[in-house]
């Protein structure tokens, strides 16, 4: 029994030894080359190269643990590489934007690798992708405010909830997805102009976007179920009436524009329903 365990351990060491050998050889070559040409960036790129080797090795030997570990290391080492790279033309915000963009791609690759290797959908990785994508956009912007963080992080998170709910036919995921996305849009659209604050107008805009979120729940409910679920129209209708009243009361001159924009968004929601309806019904049990 003990001999069998020893043989298995030895066989695993023999199987994985080439990978670690390649890691040591490449690391040594990069260190030697950096000492000769004095680039400084070759040395800090070693963790990135090691991560890529582990990732490729995980794909070749079909070890998902190696694949995920390699990708996570790639995200962390890539972020560190960008932050330590000596380049005066890159400011700290641009470095952060590139670092978060690298991690967004990495976590998207984790989702795709698990999907194609094991036919499983690791939705949790897309949540990290959404957060990193939002942060990359924010730090790439010249000027950033608190509302930008709310918009560019919350909306992608809401979209992931919606994709998850539509894909898995789970109505419980449609609710937070719709509300998170539209609430973030409401806060951003309502309060983005801080130069001329109008309490009633901003509050009305915010509530109208909240209402559209509840209406989006009704639209998507027909896509993933056999019938419309109407109860979200109750809070949505109340918020729409209150929000419209506050907006019109705060800015009567823009009433027609406001009604036109609200009607346009309603047409967009109905268009989404028409596009997704056939797809949802064809994939329903």
Protein backbone atom coordinates (compact mmCIF):
# COMPACT_ATOMS: atom_id res chain seq x y z
CA UNK A 1 0.00 0.00 0.00
CA UNK A 2 2.76 2.40 1.01
CA UNK A 3 4.74 1.42 -2.06
CA UNK A 4 1.73 2.21 -4.28
CA UNK A 5 1.38 5.67 -2.76
CA UNK A 6 5.06 6.35 -3.29
CA UNK A 7 4.81 5.28 -6.91
CA UNK A 8 1.83 7.60 -7.50
CA UNK A 9 3.65 10.53 -5.91
CA UNK A 10 6.71 9.79 -8.00
CA UNK A 11 4.64 9.61 -11.20
CA UNK A 12 3.00 12.96 -10.44
CA UNK A 13 6.40 14.55 -9.81
CA UNK A 14 7.66 13.17 -13.11
CA UNK A 15 4.51 14.43 -14.88
CA UNK A 16 4.73 17.97 -13.52
CA UNK A 17 8.54 18.28 -13.44
CA UNK A 18 8.83 19.67 -17.01
CA UNK A 19 6.53 22.55 -16.13
CA UNK A 20 8.62 23.60 -13.15
CA UNK A 21 11.75 23.06 -15.20
CA UNK A 22 10.50 25.45 -17.86
CA UNK A 23 9.62 27.99 -15.15
CA UNK A 24 13.15 27.84 -13.69
CA UNK A 25 14.84 28.01 -17.09
CA UNK A 26 12.80 30.98 -18.31
CA UNK A 27 13.24 32.83 -15.01
CA UNK A 28 16.99 32.32 -15.10
CA UNK A 29 17.25 33.46 -18.72
CA UNK A 30 15.26 36.61 -18.03
CA UNK A 31 17.42 37.46 -15.02
CA UNK A 32 20.63 36.92 -17.01
CA UNK A 33 19.33 38.99 -19.92
CA UNK A 34 18.26 41.80 -17.62
CA UNK A 35 21.71 41.91 -16.04
CA UNK A 36 23.26 42.22 -19.47
CA UNK A 37 21.05 44.86 -21.09
CA UNK A 38 19.87 46.60 -17.89
CA UNK A 39 16.19 47.03 -18.78
CA UNK A 40 14.80 46.60 -15.21
CA UNK A 41 11.41 45.61 -16.67
CA UNK A 42 12.56 42.09 -17.59
CA UNK A 43 13.02 41.21 -13.92
CA UNK A 44 9.57 42.39 -12.88
CA UNK A 45 8.05 40.54 -15.85
CA UNK A 46 9.15 37.15 -14.47
CA UNK A 47 5.93 36.61 -12.41
CA UNK A 48 3.90 37.43 -15.54
CA UNK A 49 5.81 34.86 -17.59
CA UNK A 50 5.48 32.23 -14.85
CA UNK A 51 1.72 32.86 -14.73
CA UNK A 52 1.44 32.36 -18.49
CA UNK A 53 3.40 29.12 -18.28
CA UNK A 54 1.13 27.78 -15.54
CA UNK A 55 -1.94 28.83 -17.52
CA UNK A 56 -0.80 27.10 -20.71
CA UNK A 57 0.28 24.02 -18.74
CA UNK A 58 -3.15 23.84 -17.10
CA UNK A 59 -4.82 23.86 -20.53
CA UNK A 60 -2.46 21.20 -21.91
CA UNK A 61 -2.83 18.77 -18.99
CA UNK A 62 -6.50 19.79 -18.44
CA UNK A 63 -6.07 20.83 -14.80
CA UNK A 64 -8.58 23.57 -14.05
CA UNK A 65 -6.82 24.36 -10.77
CA UNK A 66 -3.62 25.20 -12.63
CA UNK A 67 -5.55 27.20 -15.22
CA UNK A 68 -7.39 29.33 -12.66
CA UNK A 69 -4.28 29.77 -10.49
CA UNK A 70 -2.25 30.83 -13.52
CA UNK A 71 -4.87 33.36 -14.57
CA UNK A 72 -5.26 34.81 -11.07
CA UNK A 73 -1.47 35.11 -10.80
CA UNK A 74 -1.45 36.73 -14.25
CA UNK A 75 -3.94 39.36 -13.11
CA UNK A 76 -2.03 40.17 -9.93
CA UNK A 77 1.42 40.09 -11.52
CA UNK A 78 0.20 42.11 -14.53
CA UNK A 79 -1.21 44.76 -12.19
CA UNK A 80 2.08 44.84 -10.25
CA UNK A 81 4.10 45.00 -13.48
CA UNK A 82 2.18 48.03 -14.74
CA UNK A 83 2.50 49.82 -11.39
CA UNK A 84 6.26 49.19 -11.11
CA UNK A 85 7.10 49.87 -14.76
CA UNK A 86 9.30 52.93 -15.09
CA UNK A 87 7.54 55.07 -17.68
CA UNK A 88 7.16 58.76 -17.01
CA UNK A 89 4.47 59.18 -19.68
CA UNK A 90 2.10 56.96 -17.69
CA UNK A 91 0.37 58.63 -14.77
CA UNK A 92 -0.91 56.76 -11.75
CA UNK A 93 -4.51 56.86 -12.97
CA UNK A 94 -3.58 55.38 -16.36
CA UNK A 95 -1.56 52.65 -14.63
CA UNK A 96 -4.55 51.78 -12.47
CA UNK A 97 -6.83 51.76 -15.53
CA UNK A 98 -4.53 49.36 -17.39
CA UNK A 99 -4.11 47.17 -14.31
CA UNK A 100 -7.85 46.84 -13.76
CA UNK A 101 -8.40 46.22 -17.49
CA UNK A 102 -5.91 43.34 -17.37
CA UNK A 103 -7.76 41.83 -14.42
CA UNK A 104 -11.11 42.27 -16.18
CA UNK A 105 -9.80 40.24 -19.13
CA UNK A 106 -8.30 37.65 -16.78
CA UNK A 107 -11.55 36.99 -14.93
CA UNK A 108 -13.44 36.85 -18.23
CA UNK A 109 -10.93 34.21 -19.37
CA UNK A 110 -11.59 32.27 -16.16
CA UNK A 111 -15.29 32.21 -17.01
CA UNK A 112 -14.60 31.10 -20.60
CA UNK A 113 -12.08 28.42 -19.60
CA UNK A 114 -14.45 26.85 -17.07
CA UNK A 115 -17.25 27.05 -19.63
CA UNK A 116 -15.36 25.32 -22.44
CA UNK A 117 -13.40 22.84 -20.30
CA UNK A 118 -16.16 21.73 -17.92
CA UNK A 119 -19.37 23.08 -19.49
CA UNK A 120 -20.10 25.07 -16.33
CA UNK A 121 -20.89 28.76 -16.02
CA UNK A 122 -18.86 30.38 -13.26
CA UNK A 123 -20.98 33.51 -12.94
CA UNK A 124 -19.03 34.63 -9.88
CA UNK A 125 -16.05 35.40 -12.14
CA UNK A 126 -18.17 37.74 -14.26
CA UNK A 127 -19.02 39.81 -11.17
CA UNK A 128 -15.30 40.43 -10.64
CA UNK A 129 -14.97 41.16 -14.36
CA UNK A 130 -17.75 43.76 -14.07
CA UNK A 131 -16.12 45.49 -11.10
CA UNK A 132 -12.67 45.56 -12.70
CA UNK A 133 -14.12 46.82 -15.99
CA UNK A 134 -15.93 49.64 -14.22
CA UNK A 135 -12.80 50.66 -12.31
CA UNK A 136 -10.75 50.59 -15.52
CA UNK A 137 -13.20 52.98 -17.18
CA UNK A 138 -13.30 55.28 -14.16
CA UNK A 139 -9.52 55.62 -13.77
CA UNK A 140 -9.13 56.16 -17.53
CA UNK A 141 -11.38 59.21 -17.31
CA UNK A 142 -9.75 62.61 -16.90
CA UNK A 143 -12.23 63.72 -14.24
CA UNK A 144 -13.96 61.33 -11.91
CA UNK A 145 -16.59 61.78 -9.22
CA UNK A 146 -18.46 59.59 -6.76
CA UNK A 147 -21.36 59.25 -9.18
CA UNK A 148 -18.99 57.75 -11.76
CA UNK A 149 -18.12 54.94 -9.34
CA UNK A 150 -21.82 54.30 -8.74
CA UNK A 151 -22.64 54.21 -12.47
CA UNK A 152 -19.72 52.28 -13.93
CA UNK A 153 -19.65 49.62 -11.23
CA UNK A 154 -23.35 49.14 -10.50
CA UNK A 155 -24.57 48.98 -14.11
CA UNK A 156 -22.15 46.17 -15.14
CA UNK A 157 -23.07 44.26 -11.97
CA UNK A 158 -26.75 44.61 -12.85
CA UNK A 159 -26.07 43.38 -16.39
CA UNK A 160 -24.34 40.26 -15.01
CA UNK A 161 -27.38 39.54 -12.83
CA UNK A 162 -29.62 39.93 -15.89
CA UNK A 163 -27.45 37.66 -18.05
CA UNK A 164 -27.40 35.06 -15.28
CA UNK A 165 -31.15 35.24 -14.77
CA UNK A 166 -31.99 35.05 -18.48
CA UNK A 167 -29.50 32.23 -19.10
CA UNK A 168 -30.63 30.10 -16.14
CA UNK A 169 -34.31 31.11 -16.32
CA UNK A 170 -34.27 32.42 -12.74
CA UNK A 171 -36.69 35.24 -12.04
CA UNK A 172 -35.07 35.90 -8.65
CA UNK A 173 -31.94 37.17 -10.43
CA UNK A 174 -33.87 39.41 -12.80
CA UNK A 175 -35.14 41.56 -9.92
CA UNK A 176 -31.76 42.64 -8.45
CA UNK A 177 -30.27 42.94 -11.94
CA UNK A 178 -32.95 45.32 -13.18
CA UNK A 179 -33.05 47.39 -10.01
CA UNK A 180 -29.29 47.70 -9.52
CA UNK A 181 -28.73 48.85 -13.10
CA UNK A 182 -31.60 51.34 -13.26
CA UNK A 183 -31.08 52.68 -9.74
CA UNK A 184 -27.46 53.48 -10.63
CA UNK A 185 -28.63 55.16 -13.82
CA UNK A 186 -31.23 57.12 -11.85
CA UNK A 187 -28.74 58.42 -9.30
CA UNK A 188 -26.25 59.34 -12.04
CA UNK A 189 -28.73 60.98 -14.42
CA UNK A 190 -30.50 62.79 -11.62
CA UNK A 191 -27.54 64.23 -9.77
CA UNK A 192 -24.73 64.44 -12.34
CA UNK A 193 -25.16 68.20 -12.87
CA UNK A 194 -24.10 69.71 -9.56
CA UNK A 195 -23.67 73.24 -10.92
CA UNK A 196 -27.39 74.04 -10.79
CA UNK A 197 -28.98 71.78 -8.19
CA UNK A 198 -32.75 71.54 -8.41
CA UNK A 199 -33.98 69.20 -5.71
CA UNK A 200 -37.36 68.40 -7.26
CA UNK A 201 -36.03 67.86 -10.78
CA UNK A 202 -33.16 65.56 -9.68
CA UNK A 203 -35.39 63.54 -7.38
CA UNK A 204 -38.00 63.16 -10.11
CA UNK A 205 -35.44 61.94 -12.65
CA UNK A 206 -34.08 59.44 -10.15
CA UNK A 207 -37.53 58.04 -9.32
CA UNK A 208 -38.48 57.71 -13.00
CA UNK A 209 -35.39 55.57 -13.61
CA UNK A 210 -36.30 53.46 -10.57
CA UNK A 211 -39.75 52.99 -12.09
CA UNK A 212 -38.25 51.86 -15.39
CA UNK A 213 -36.33 49.22 -13.47
CA UNK A 214 -39.58 47.71 -12.15
CA UNK A 215 -41.07 47.83 -15.64
CA UNK A 216 -38.02 46.04 -17.03
CA UNK A 217 -38.75 43.24 -14.56
CA UNK A 218 -42.22 42.85 -16.10
CA UNK A 219 -40.79 42.77 -19.63
CA UNK A 220 -38.14 40.16 -18.81
CA UNK A 221 -40.55 38.03 -16.77
CA UNK A 222 -42.33 37.06 -19.99
CA UNK A 223 -39.05 36.02 -21.54
CA UNK A 224 -38.14 33.52 -18.82
CA UNK A 225 -41.61 32.39 -17.73
CA UNK A 226 -44.84 31.44 -19.48
CA UNK A 227 -46.67 34.56 -18.39
CA UNK A 228 -46.21 38.18 -17.40
CA UNK A 229 -45.60 38.90 -13.72
CA UNK A 230 -47.54 42.09 -13.12
CA UNK A 231 -46.94 42.97 -9.46
CA UNK A 232 -43.75 45.02 -10.20
CA UNK A 233 -46.00 47.54 -11.96
CA UNK A 234 -47.40 48.55 -8.55
CA UNK A 235 -44.17 50.04 -7.11
CA UNK A 236 -43.08 51.01 -10.64
CA UNK A 237 -46.30 52.89 -11.38
CA UNK A 238 -46.20 54.73 -8.06
CA UNK A 239 -42.58 55.78 -8.60
CA UNK A 240 -43.33 56.84 -12.18
CA UNK A 241 -46.21 59.09 -11.13
CA UNK A 242 -44.36 60.60 -8.18
CA UNK A 243 -41.17 61.05 -10.17
CA UNK A 244 -42.97 62.64 -13.12
CA UNK A 245 -44.78 65.02 -10.81
CA UNK A 246 -41.57 66.05 -9.05
CA UNK A 247 -39.72 66.60 -12.33
CA UNK A 248 -42.51 68.62 -13.94
CA UNK A 249 -42.98 70.62 -10.75
CA UNK A 250 -39.28 71.40 -10.56
CA UNK A 251 -38.87 72.25 -14.25
CA UNK A 252 -42.18 72.92 -16.07
CA UNK A 253 -40.40 74.25 -19.17
CA UNK A 254 -38.93 70.84 -20.03
CA UNK A 255 -42.17 68.89 -19.66
CA UNK A 256 -42.45 67.93 -23.33
CA UNK A 257 -38.81 66.84 -23.54
CA UNK A 258 -39.20 64.81 -20.37
CA UNK A 259 -42.32 63.03 -21.63
CA UNK A 260 -40.64 62.38 -24.97
CA UNK A 261 -37.56 60.87 -23.32
CA UNK A 262 -39.68 58.71 -21.03
CA UNK A 263 -41.74 57.46 -23.97
CA UNK A 264 -38.56 56.69 -25.91
CA UNK A 265 -37.23 54.56 -23.08
CA UNK A 266 -40.58 52.78 -22.91
CA UNK A 267 -40.28 51.96 -26.62
CA UNK A 268 -36.76 50.62 -26.00
CA UNK A 269 -38.04 48.32 -23.24
CA UNK A 270 -40.80 47.02 -25.50
CA UNK A 271 -38.25 46.48 -28.26
CA UNK A 272 -36.08 44.45 -25.89
CA UNK A 273 -39.12 42.34 -25.09
CA UNK A 274 -39.85 41.66 -28.77
CA UNK A 275 -36.23 40.73 -29.49
CA UNK A 276 -35.87 38.38 -26.51
CA UNK A 277 -39.37 36.89 -26.57
CA UNK A 278 -38.83 34.26 -29.26
CA UNK A 279 -35.43 33.30 -27.85
CA UNK A 280 -36.88 32.85 -24.38
CA UNK A 281 -39.84 30.80 -25.55
CA UNK A 282 -37.75 28.52 -27.73
CA UNK A 283 -35.46 27.70 -24.84
CA UNK A 284 -38.18 27.15 -22.28
CA UNK A 285 -38.80 23.69 -20.90
